[in-house]
């Protein structure tokens, strides 16, 4: 299942937003192979969150419908701002 299909299914089942912390699931959905990432799937947007070590790499591998956000502080506070 690709990430857009997952987003549509979750939207239909009213199970959004979804936050994914598991790197194996993030790798499956995005192709990202780094050691730190979060993925937030919302009704209209998909956010990929990582730190500065992976900024260039993530932006090069992510599909155009996934928005990269660089984390610059406490992760939970950053996610709350989105």
PDB file of N, CA and C in Angstrom:
ATOM      1  N   UNK A   1       0.857  -1.178   0.000  1.00  0.00           N
ATOM      2  CA  UNK A   1       0.000   0.000   0.000  1.00  0.00           C
ATOM      3  C   UNK A   1       0.897   1.233   0.000  1.00  0.00           C
ATOM      4  N   UNK A   2       0.601   2.188  -0.875  1.00  0.00           N
ATOM      5  CA  UNK A   2       1.377   3.421  -0.855  1.00  0.00           C
ATOM      6  C   UNK A   2       0.753   4.426   0.111  1.00  0.00           C
ATOM      7  N   UNK A   3       1.474   5.484   0.362  1.00  0.00           N
ATOM      8  CA  UNK A   3       1.055   6.428   1.391  1.00  0.00           C
ATOM      9  C   UNK A   3      -0.234   7.174   1.021  1.00  0.00           C
ATOM     10  N   UNK A   4      -0.441   7.459  -0.248  1.00  0.00           N
ATOM     11  CA  UNK A   4      -1.677   8.134  -0.671  1.00  0.00           C
ATOM     12  C   UNK A   4      -2.893   7.234  -0.477  1.00  0.00           C
ATOM     13  N   UNK A   5      -2.724   5.954  -0.778  1.00  0.00           N
ATOM     14  CA  UNK A   5      -3.816   4.993  -0.564  1.00  0.00           C
ATOM     15  C   UNK A   5      -4.141   4.866   0.919  1.00  0.00           C
ATOM     16  N   UNK A   6      -3.100   4.844   1.745  1.00  0.00           N
ATOM     17  CA  UNK A   6      -3.301   4.776   3.187  1.00  0.00           C
ATOM     18  C   UNK A   6      -4.048   6.013   3.674  1.00  0.00           C
ATOM     19  N   UNK A   7      -3.664   7.174   3.178  1.00  0.00           N
ATOM     20  CA  UNK A   7      -4.331   8.418   3.566  1.00  0.00           C
ATOM     21  C   UNK A   7      -5.812   8.384   3.187  1.00  0.00           C
ATOM     22  N   UNK A   8      -6.118   7.931   2.000  1.00  0.00           N
ATOM     23  CA  UNK A   8      -7.524   7.842   1.555  1.00  0.00           C
ATOM     24  C   UNK A   8      -8.324   6.873   2.421  1.00  0.00           C
ATOM     25  N   UNK A   9      -7.732   5.716   2.724  1.00  0.00           N
ATOM     26  CA  UNK A   9      -8.409   4.728   3.546  1.00  0.00           C
ATOM     27  C   UNK A   9      -8.678   5.278   4.956  1.00  0.00           C
ATOM     28  N   UNK A  10      -7.681   5.905   5.550  1.00  0.00           N
ATOM     29  CA  UNK A  10      -7.838   6.462   6.897  1.00  0.00           C
ATOM     30  C   UNK A  10      -8.857   7.602   6.915  1.00  0.00           C
ATOM     31  N   UNK A  11      -8.871   8.381   5.856  1.00  0.00           N
ATOM     32  CA  UNK A  11      -9.840   9.479   5.756  1.00  0.00           C
ATOM     33  C   UNK A  11     -11.262   8.921   5.679  1.00  0.00           C
ATOM     34  N   UNK A  12     -11.436   7.888   4.875  1.00  0.00           N
ATOM     35  CA  UNK A  12     -12.748   7.256   4.734  1.00  0.00           C
ATOM     36  C   UNK A  12     -13.224   6.663   6.058  1.00  0.00           C
ATOM     37  N   UNK A  13     -12.302   6.083   6.820  1.00  0.00           N
ATOM     38  CA  UNK A  13     -12.644   5.464   8.102  1.00  0.00           C
ATOM     39  C   UNK A  13     -12.610   6.450   9.271  1.00  0.00           C
ATOM     40  N   UNK A  14     -12.354   7.732   8.972  1.00  0.00           N
ATOM     41  CA  UNK A  14     -12.306   8.800   9.985  1.00  0.00           C
ATOM     42  C   UNK A  14     -11.314   8.480  11.103  1.00  0.00           C
ATOM     43  N   UNK A  15     -10.115   8.070  10.691  1.00  0.00           N
ATOM     44  CA  UNK A  15      -9.068   7.713  11.652  1.00  0.00           C
ATOM     45  C   UNK A  15      -7.844   8.613  11.496  1.00  0.00           C
ATOM     46  N   UNK A  16      -8.092   9.867  11.205  1.00  0.00           N
ATOM     47  CA  UNK A  16      -7.006  10.824  11.031  1.00  0.00           C
ATOM     48  C   UNK A  16      -7.072  11.897  12.102  1.00  0.00           C
ATOM     49  N   UNK A  17      -5.992  12.489  12.477  1.00  0.00           N
ATOM     50  CA  UNK A  17      -4.637  12.271  11.986  1.00  0.00           C
ATOM     51  C   UNK A  17      -3.999  11.016  12.574  1.00  0.00           C
ATOM     52  N   UNK A  18      -2.981  10.545  11.888  1.00  0.00           N
ATOM     53  CA  UNK A  18      -2.226   9.382  12.332  1.00  0.00           C
ATOM     54  C   UNK A  18      -0.761   9.791  12.429  1.00  0.00           C
ATOM     55  N   UNK A  19      -0.128   9.484  13.538  1.00  0.00           N
ATOM     56  CA  UNK A  19       1.297   9.747  13.713  1.00  0.00           C
ATOM     57  C   UNK A  19       2.024   8.409  13.727  1.00  0.00           C
ATOM     58  N   UNK A  20       3.023   8.298  12.876  1.00  0.00           N
ATOM     59  CA  UNK A  20       3.792   7.057  12.776  1.00  0.00           C
ATOM     60  C   UNK A  20       5.197   7.321  13.307  1.00  0.00           C
ATOM     61  N   UNK A  21       5.590   6.544  14.305  1.00  0.00           N
ATOM     62  CA  UNK A  21       6.908   6.662  14.922  1.00  0.00           C
ATOM     63  C   UNK A  21       7.849   5.541  14.496  1.00  0.00           C
ATOM     64  N   UNK A  22       7.308   4.415  14.086  1.00  0.00           N
ATOM     65  CA  UNK A  22       8.108   3.233  13.786  1.00  0.00           C
ATOM     66  C   UNK A  22       8.877   3.417  12.478  1.00  0.00           C
ATOM     67  N   UNK A  23      10.204   3.320  12.550  1.00  0.00           N
ATOM     68  CA  UNK A  23      11.041   3.554  11.372  1.00  0.00           C
ATOM     69  C   UNK A  23      10.831   2.518  10.271  1.00  0.00           C
ATOM     70  N   UNK A  24      10.459   1.313  10.635  1.00  0.00           N
ATOM     71  CA  UNK A  24      10.192   0.294   9.610  1.00  0.00           C
ATOM     72  C   UNK A  24       8.977   0.691   8.779  1.00  0.00           C
ATOM     73  N   UNK A  25       7.924   1.159   9.448  1.00  0.00           N
ATOM     74  CA  UNK A  25       6.733   1.611   8.717  1.00  0.00           C
ATOM     75  C   UNK A  25       7.022   2.871   7.903  1.00  0.00           C
ATOM     76  N   UNK A  26       7.825   3.769   8.455  1.00  0.00           N
ATOM     77  CA  UNK A  26       8.193   4.985   7.726  1.00  0.00           C
ATOM     78  C   UNK A  26       9.015   4.625   6.493  1.00  0.00           C
ATOM     79  N   UNK A  27       9.932   3.682   6.629  1.00  0.00           N
ATOM     80  CA  UNK A  27      10.727   3.236   5.479  1.00  0.00           C
ATOM     81  C   UNK A  27       9.829   2.635   4.402  1.00  0.00           C
ATOM     82  N   UNK A  28       8.873   1.811   4.815  1.00  0.00           N
ATOM     83  CA  UNK A  28       7.961   1.186   3.857  1.00  0.00           C
ATOM     84  C   UNK A  28       7.146   2.239   3.089  1.00  0.00           C
ATOM     85  N   UNK A  29       6.675   3.250   3.794  1.00  0.00           N
ATOM     86  CA  UNK A  29       5.800   4.257   3.178  1.00  0.00           C
ATOM     87  C   UNK A  29       6.543   5.334   2.401  1.00  0.00           C
ATOM     88  N   UNK A  30       7.805   5.618   2.787  1.00  0.00           N
ATOM     89  CA  UNK A  30       8.510   6.745   2.168  1.00  0.00           C
ATOM     90  C   UNK A  30       9.838   6.398   1.512  1.00  0.00           C
ATOM     91  N   UNK A  31      10.442   5.295   1.909  1.00  0.00           N
ATOM     92  CA  UNK A  31      11.769   4.948   1.414  1.00  0.00           C
ATOM     93  C   UNK A  31      12.898   5.515   2.271  1.00  0.00           C
ATOM     94  N   UNK A  32      12.576   6.245   3.326  1.00  0.00           N
ATOM     95  CA  UNK A  32      13.568   6.861   4.207  1.00  0.00           C
ATOM     96  C   UNK A  32      14.284   5.792   5.026  1.00  0.00           C
ATOM     97  N   UNK A  33      15.624   5.828   5.025  1.00  0.00           N
ATOM     98  CA  UNK A  33      16.399   4.812   5.737  1.00  0.00           C
ATOM     99  C   UNK A  33      17.228   5.384   6.886  1.00  0.00           C
ATOM    100  N   UNK A  34      16.946   6.605   7.309  1.00  0.00           N
ATOM    101  CA  UNK A  34      17.681   7.217   8.410  1.00  0.00           C
ATOM    102  C   UNK A  34      17.273   6.651   9.758  1.00  0.00           C
ATOM    103  N   UNK A  35      17.802   7.266  10.820  1.00  0.00           N
ATOM    104  CA  UNK A  35      17.572   6.760  12.173  1.00  0.00           C
ATOM    105  C   UNK A  35      16.605   7.602  12.987  1.00  0.00           C
ATOM    106  N   UNK A  36      16.113   8.712  12.436  1.00  0.00           N
ATOM    107  CA  UNK A  36      15.139   9.525  13.168  1.00  0.00           C
ATOM    108  C   UNK A  36      14.135  10.136  12.205  1.00  0.00           C
ATOM    109  N   UNK A  37      12.865   9.853  12.440  1.00  0.00           N
ATOM    110  CA  UNK A  37      11.804  10.445  11.622  1.00  0.00           C
ATOM    111  C   UNK A  37      10.456  10.218  12.288  1.00  0.00           C
ATOM    112  N   UNK A  38       9.533  11.076  11.947  1.00  0.00           N
ATOM    113  CA  UNK A  38       8.128  10.946  12.327  1.00  0.00           C
ATOM    114  C   UNK A  38       7.326  11.231  11.067  1.00  0.00           C
ATOM    115  N   UNK A  39       6.180  10.608  10.963  1.00  0.00           N
ATOM    116  CA  UNK A  39       5.318  10.817   9.808  1.00  0.00           C
ATOM    117  C   UNK A  39       3.922  11.118  10.331  1.00  0.00           C
ATOM    118  N   UNK A  40       3.351  12.214   9.873  1.00  0.00           N
ATOM    119  CA  UNK A  40       2.000  12.583  10.274  1.00  0.00           C
ATOM    120  C   UNK A  40       1.132  12.603   9.026  1.00  0.00           C
ATOM    121  N   UNK A  41       0.096  11.798   9.060  1.00  0.00           N
ATOM    122  CA  UNK A  41      -0.849  11.745   7.948  1.00  0.00           C
ATOM    123  C   UNK A  41      -2.129  12.407   8.415  1.00  0.00           C
ATOM    124  N   UNK A  42      -2.499  13.488   7.756  1.00  0.00           N
ATOM    125  CA  UNK A  42      -3.709  14.237   8.073  1.00  0.00           C
ATOM    126  C   UNK A  42      -4.642  14.150   6.871  1.00  0.00           C
ATOM    127  N   UNK A  43      -5.809  14.721   6.987  1.00  0.00           N
ATOM    128  CA  UNK A  43      -6.789  14.642   5.895  1.00  0.00           C
ATOM    129  C   UNK A  43      -6.270  15.226   4.591  1.00  0.00           C
ATOM    130  N   UNK A  44      -5.575  16.352   4.670  1.00  0.00           N
ATOM    131  CA  UNK A  44      -5.167  17.056   3.448  1.00  0.00           C
ATOM    132  C   UNK A  44      -3.662  17.100   3.219  1.00  0.00           C
ATOM    133  N   UNK A  45      -2.877  16.781   4.231  1.00  0.00           N
ATOM    134  CA  UNK A  45      -1.427  16.867   4.095  1.00  0.00           C
ATOM    135  C   UNK A  45      -0.749  15.686   4.777  1.00  0.00           C
ATOM    136  N   UNK A  46       0.457  15.429   4.309  1.00  0.00           N
ATOM    137  CA  UNK A  46       1.312  14.426   4.928  1.00  0.00           C
ATOM    138  C   UNK A  46       2.613  15.130   5.281  1.00  0.00           C
ATOM    139  N   UNK A  47       2.987  15.059   6.560  1.00  0.00           N
ATOM    140  CA  UNK A  47       4.205  15.705   7.036  1.00  0.00           C
ATOM    141  C   UNK A  47       5.240  14.658   7.392  1.00  0.00           C
ATOM    142  N   UNK A  48       6.450  14.907   6.970  1.00  0.00           N
ATOM    143  CA  UNK A  48       7.596  14.087   7.344  1.00  0.00           C
ATOM    144  C   UNK A  48       8.475  14.965   8.213  1.00  0.00           C
ATOM    145  N   UNK A  49       8.765  14.527   9.427  1.00  0.00           N
ATOM    146  CA  UNK A  49       9.544  15.316  10.370  1.00  0.00           C
ATOM    147  C   UNK A  49      10.842  14.581  10.668  1.00  0.00           C
ATOM    148  N   UNK A  50      11.949  15.311  10.561  1.00  0.00           N
ATOM    149  CA  UNK A  50      13.242  14.765  10.938  1.00  0.00           C
ATOM    150  C   UNK A  50      14.141  15.925  11.343  1.00  0.00           C
ATOM    151  N   UNK A  51      15.356  15.599  11.753  1.00  0.00           N
ATOM    152  CA  UNK A  51      16.261  16.662  12.169  1.00  0.00           C
ATOM    153  C   UNK A  51      17.180  17.076  11.018  1.00  0.00           C
ATOM    154  N   UNK A  52      18.059  18.019  11.310  1.00  0.00           N
ATOM    155  CA  UNK A  52      18.886  18.628  10.262  1.00  0.00           C
ATOM    156  C   UNK A  52      19.830  17.643   9.579  1.00  0.00           C
ATOM    157  N   UNK A  53      20.174  16.553  10.244  1.00  0.00           N
ATOM    158  CA  UNK A  53      21.071  15.569   9.621  1.00  0.00           C
ATOM    159  C   UNK A  53      20.491  14.999   8.333  1.00  0.00           C
ATOM    160  N   UNK A  54      19.173  14.937   8.266  1.00  0.00           N
ATOM    161  CA  UNK A  54      18.518  14.273   7.134  1.00  0.00           C
ATOM    162  C   UNK A  54      17.755  15.225   6.213  1.00  0.00           C
ATOM    163  N   UNK A  55      17.902  16.517   6.393  1.00  0.00           N
ATOM    164  CA  UNK A  55      17.105  17.487   5.632  1.00  0.00           C
ATOM    165  C   UNK A  55      17.261  17.309   4.122  1.00  0.00           C
ATOM    166  N   UNK A  56      18.480  17.351   3.634  1.00  0.00           N
ATOM    167  CA  UNK A  56      18.704  17.247   2.186  1.00  0.00           C
ATOM    168  C   UNK A  56      18.313  15.868   1.661  1.00  0.00           C
ATOM    169  N   UNK A  57      18.722  14.833   2.361  1.00  0.00           N
ATOM    170  CA  UNK A  57      18.401  13.466   1.950  1.00  0.00           C
ATOM    171  C   UNK A  57      16.889  13.249   1.866  1.00  0.00           C
ATOM    172  N   UNK A  58      16.175  13.636   2.911  1.00  0.00           N
ATOM    173  CA  UNK A  58      14.723  13.423   2.943  1.00  0.00           C
ATOM    174  C   UNK A  58      14.024  14.192   1.837  1.00  0.00           C
ATOM    175  N   UNK A  59      14.427  15.427   1.616  1.00  0.00           N
ATOM    176  CA  UNK A  59      13.784  16.228   0.573  1.00  0.00           C
ATOM    177  C   UNK A  59      14.023  15.644  -0.812  1.00  0.00           C
ATOM    178  N   UNK A  60      15.129  14.940  -0.995  1.00  0.00           N
ATOM    179  CA  UNK A  60      15.426  14.319  -2.295  1.00  0.00           C
ATOM    180  C   UNK A  60      14.646  13.028  -2.529  1.00  0.00           C
ATOM    181  N   UNK A  61      14.308  12.309  -1.470  1.00  0.00           N
ATOM    182  CA  UNK A  61      13.638  11.016  -1.680  1.00  0.00           C
ATOM    183  C   UNK A  61      12.119  11.072  -1.514  1.00  0.00           C
ATOM    184  N   UNK A  62      11.614  12.076  -0.815  1.00  0.00           N
ATOM    185  CA  UNK A  62      10.175  12.126  -0.552  1.00  0.00           C
ATOM    186  C   UNK A  62       9.397  12.533  -1.793  1.00  0.00           C
ATOM    187  N   UNK A  63       8.219  11.949  -1.958  1.00  0.00           N
ATOM    188  CA  UNK A  63       7.369  12.340  -3.077  1.00  0.00           C
ATOM    189  C   UNK A  63       6.836  13.745  -2.834  1.00  0.00           C
ATOM    190  N   UNK A  64       6.372  14.374  -3.876  1.00  0.00           N
ATOM    191  CA  UNK A  64       5.966  15.786  -3.829  1.00  0.00           C
ATOM    192  C   UNK A  64       4.778  16.051  -2.915  1.00  0.00           C
ATOM    193  N   UNK A  65       4.002  15.030  -2.592  1.00  0.00           N
ATOM    194  CA  UNK A  65       2.833  15.237  -1.733  1.00  0.00           C
ATOM    195  C   UNK A  65       3.158  15.114  -0.239  1.00  0.00           C
ATOM    196  N   UNK A  66       4.447  14.907   0.084  1.00  0.00           N
ATOM    197  CA  UNK A  66       4.873  14.810   1.481  1.00  0.00           C
ATOM    198  C   UNK A  66       5.694  16.051   1.811  1.00  0.00           C
ATOM    199  N   UNK A  67       5.273  16.777   2.843  1.00  0.00           N
ATOM    200  CA  UNK A  67       5.933  18.017   3.232  1.00  0.00           C
ATOM    201  C   UNK A  67       6.981  17.741   4.307  1.00  0.00           C
ATOM    202  N   UNK A  68       8.231  18.120   4.026  1.00  0.00           N
ATOM    203  CA  UNK A  68       9.311  17.944   4.991  1.00  0.00           C
ATOM    204  C   UNK A  68       9.302  19.093   5.991  1.00  0.00           C
ATOM    205  N   UNK A  69       9.400  18.758   7.262  1.00  0.00           N
ATOM    206  CA  UNK A  69       9.517  19.748   8.329  1.00  0.00           C
ATOM    207  C   UNK A  69      10.735  19.377   9.162  1.00  0.00           C
ATOM    208  N   UNK A  70      11.622  20.331   9.353  1.00  0.00           N
ATOM    209  CA  UNK A  70      12.810  20.075  10.157  1.00  0.00           C
ATOM    210  C   UNK A  70      12.517  20.354  11.615  1.00  0.00           C
ATOM    211  N   UNK A  71      12.761  19.374  12.434  1.00  0.00           N
ATOM    212  CA  UNK A  71      12.536  19.519  13.869  1.00  0.00           C
ATOM    213  C   UNK A  71      13.693  20.301  14.473  1.00  0.00           C
ATOM    214  N   UNK A  72      13.364  21.296  15.277  1.00  0.00           N
ATOM    215  CA  UNK A  72      14.401  22.123  15.892  1.00  0.00           C
ATOM    216  C   UNK A  72      14.234  22.230  17.396  1.00  0.00           C
ATOM    217  N   UNK A  73      13.520  21.342  17.995  1.00  0.00           N
ATOM    218  CA  UNK A  73      13.320  21.391  19.438  1.00  0.00           C
ATOM    219  C   UNK A  73      12.693  20.102  19.909  1.00  0.00           C
ATOM    220  N   UNK A  74      11.975  20.193  21.009  1.00  0.00           N
ATOM    221  CA  UNK A  74      11.303  19.013  21.555  1.00  0.00           C
ATOM    222  C   UNK A  74      10.282  18.491  20.552  1.00  0.00           C
ATOM    223  N   UNK A  75      10.349  17.222  20.237  1.00  0.00           N
ATOM    224  CA  UNK A  75       9.504  16.627  19.207  1.00  0.00           C
ATOM    225  C   UNK A  75       8.020  16.755  19.451  1.00  0.00           C
ATOM    226  N   UNK A  76       7.578  16.495  20.670  1.00  0.00           N
ATOM    227  CA  UNK A  76       6.153  16.548  20.949  1.00  0.00           C
ATOM    228  C   UNK A  76       5.592  17.955  20.810  1.00  0.00           C
ATOM    229  N   UNK A  77       6.365  18.947  21.210  1.00  0.00           N
ATOM    230  CA  UNK A  77       5.908  20.336  21.067  1.00  0.00           C
ATOM    231  C   UNK A  77       5.816  20.716  19.597  1.00  0.00           C
ATOM    232  N   UNK A  78       6.777  20.270  18.811  1.00  0.00           N
ATOM    233  CA  UNK A  78       6.774  20.569  17.386  1.00  0.00           C
ATOM    234  C   UNK A  78       5.564  19.961  16.692  1.00  0.00           C
ATOM    235  N   UNK A  79       5.253  18.732  17.008  1.00  0.00           N
ATOM    236  CA  UNK A  79       4.106  18.061  16.412  1.00  0.00           C
ATOM    237  C   UNK A  79       2.819  18.781  16.784  1.00  0.00           C
ATOM    238  N   UNK A  80       2.713  19.236  17.997  1.00  0.00           N
ATOM    239  CA  UNK A  80       1.511  19.959  18.451  1.00  0.00           C
ATOM    240  C   UNK A  80       1.277  21.217  17.631  1.00  0.00           C
ATOM    241  N   UNK A  81       2.368  21.882  17.182  1.00  0.00           N
ATOM    242  CA  UNK A  81       2.253  23.110  16.387  1.00  0.00           C
ATOM    243  C   UNK A  81       1.663  22.856  15.011  1.00  0.00           C
ATOM    244  N   UNK A  82       1.842  21.672  14.464  1.00  0.00           N
ATOM    245  CA  UNK A  82       1.331  21.373  13.131  1.00  0.00           C
ATOM    246  C   UNK A  82      -0.167  21.295  13.180  1.00  0.00           C
TER     247      UNK A  82
END
